[in-house]
Amino acid sequence: MKGAILYTMFSGLGDFIVMYNAKKMAESSLGMRVFIAHRRNPYIYNLDTRARRDYFNIYSPLQLLSLKKVLTLDVSGERFGIQQAPGSIQGYTFLNFMRKIDAIDYIVDFNLINADIRTPPRGEYILEIHRNQLKTLFKREISFSPELPFKPEPVDLPDGDPLIAINPLSGRAGCNTYTWPYYKWKDLLSDLIEIEKEARFLLILKGERGKVYRELEKAFPERLSVYSQLTLGQLTYILEKCDLFLTVNSGPAHMAHFLGKKTVILSGPTLGLWNPSGPHIRVVRDEGARFPPSEQCRRAPGVPSVCNICTKDVFGAITDLLGKRSLAEL
C-alpha cells in the first residue's frame, strides 16, 4: 500500500517503547512508510543509524525541514498524521501545521472534534488502542508481535532463586504523586523477605542513588543488591532474569510487560491506558482518591497519588498474582 503515517511521540522511555512497536505494527501490516516526530526523546539513540532516520526531532528546524521533504518528495499516496494517545492540543497544533505546509493530508485523533478523522479509543492499553485505531482506519486486521528495541547486556547477578526486581522511582521522581515513600518499600520488603527465604532482591535505577536507595540498602544489606546507572540493555537483561517485578508506573513497567514478566505496578495519577494489562500484571491504585486519574504532576487534595497506596494492598496484589505465598512454590 502506498502512503505514509506520521506518528507524534512524547519524550519518555515508555513513549519510545510503545511508539516503536506502533511503528513496527503499522509497517508490517499496512506496507506503508511510518515516521515519528518526537519531542527530544533521548531513547532513539539506542537505535542503529539506519532506523534512526525515521525519527525526527520537531524542535530542530533542520530535522523538521527534512521531515517535510521526505513526506512531500518521497511518499506517494495519502499521508496520515496520528497523535500518540491520549493526544494533546500541542500535538494537534503540530499536525495542523504539517497539514498547512502540505506535509500530510489528514489528522487522525481520538479526542479532538476538529480532527479530520476520529477513531474510537477502543482497548485498555495504549498499544492495543493504537492497534484498533489502525484496524478502524484502514479496515484490515493488524498483526502484532511486540518486541523491545534494546539488546540485553549481561550483568553479574547475585546467587539465589527466585530473583525479585524493584523499581521504586519514576522519571518524575520530584513529584509526590508518582513516588512511594521509602518506609513503605521498607515495610513491604520486610514482609517479602520473611516469606521468600531464598530470594534475592534487586533494587534497580537508571540514574544515581537517592534517599530511597540508601535507606533500603542500609536496612537489608544481606538480601538486597543495588544496581544504579544501568544502561537500557542492562535493565533489559535484569528484567529477563527476574521472577517478579515491583515498580511504580514508569518505562520499565512497559519493558517487563513485553517480556511477559509477573509485574505489580503502583499507579497514581497515571491514566489507565498507560498501565499494561494481562494475567501477568496487577495494578494497585490510590483507591481513596476523590478524582479520576489526570496525569497531573502535582500534589493536590483528591488527586490520585502513589504515596497514598497502602503496603497491605501492594502485598495483596503480589499474593493474588502469584496465587501462592511463595515464588519458590511456583
Foldseek 3Di string as FASTA:
>chain_A
DFEEEEEEFEAFLQRVQLVVQLQVQCCVFPVYHYAYEYAVRPVLVLADPVVSLRYADPVDPVSVVVLQCCQVPVGDDAYEYEYQPPDDPVSVVVVVVCVVSVSHPFYEHQDDPPGRHYDHQDDQASNVSSQVRCCVVVVDHTDGQRDGSAAADDDDDDDFPAEEEEEQAAPLNVFQQQGADLVLVVVLVVVLCVLAVGYAYEYEELADDDPSVVVNCVSCVPRYHYYYNDDVNNLLNSLLRHQEYEYEQYSVQVSNVSSVHQYEYQYFLDGRNSHDDDLSYHYFWLPPAQDHRDPDRHDDHRGGGSHNTHSVRSQVSVCVSCVHRYPVVD
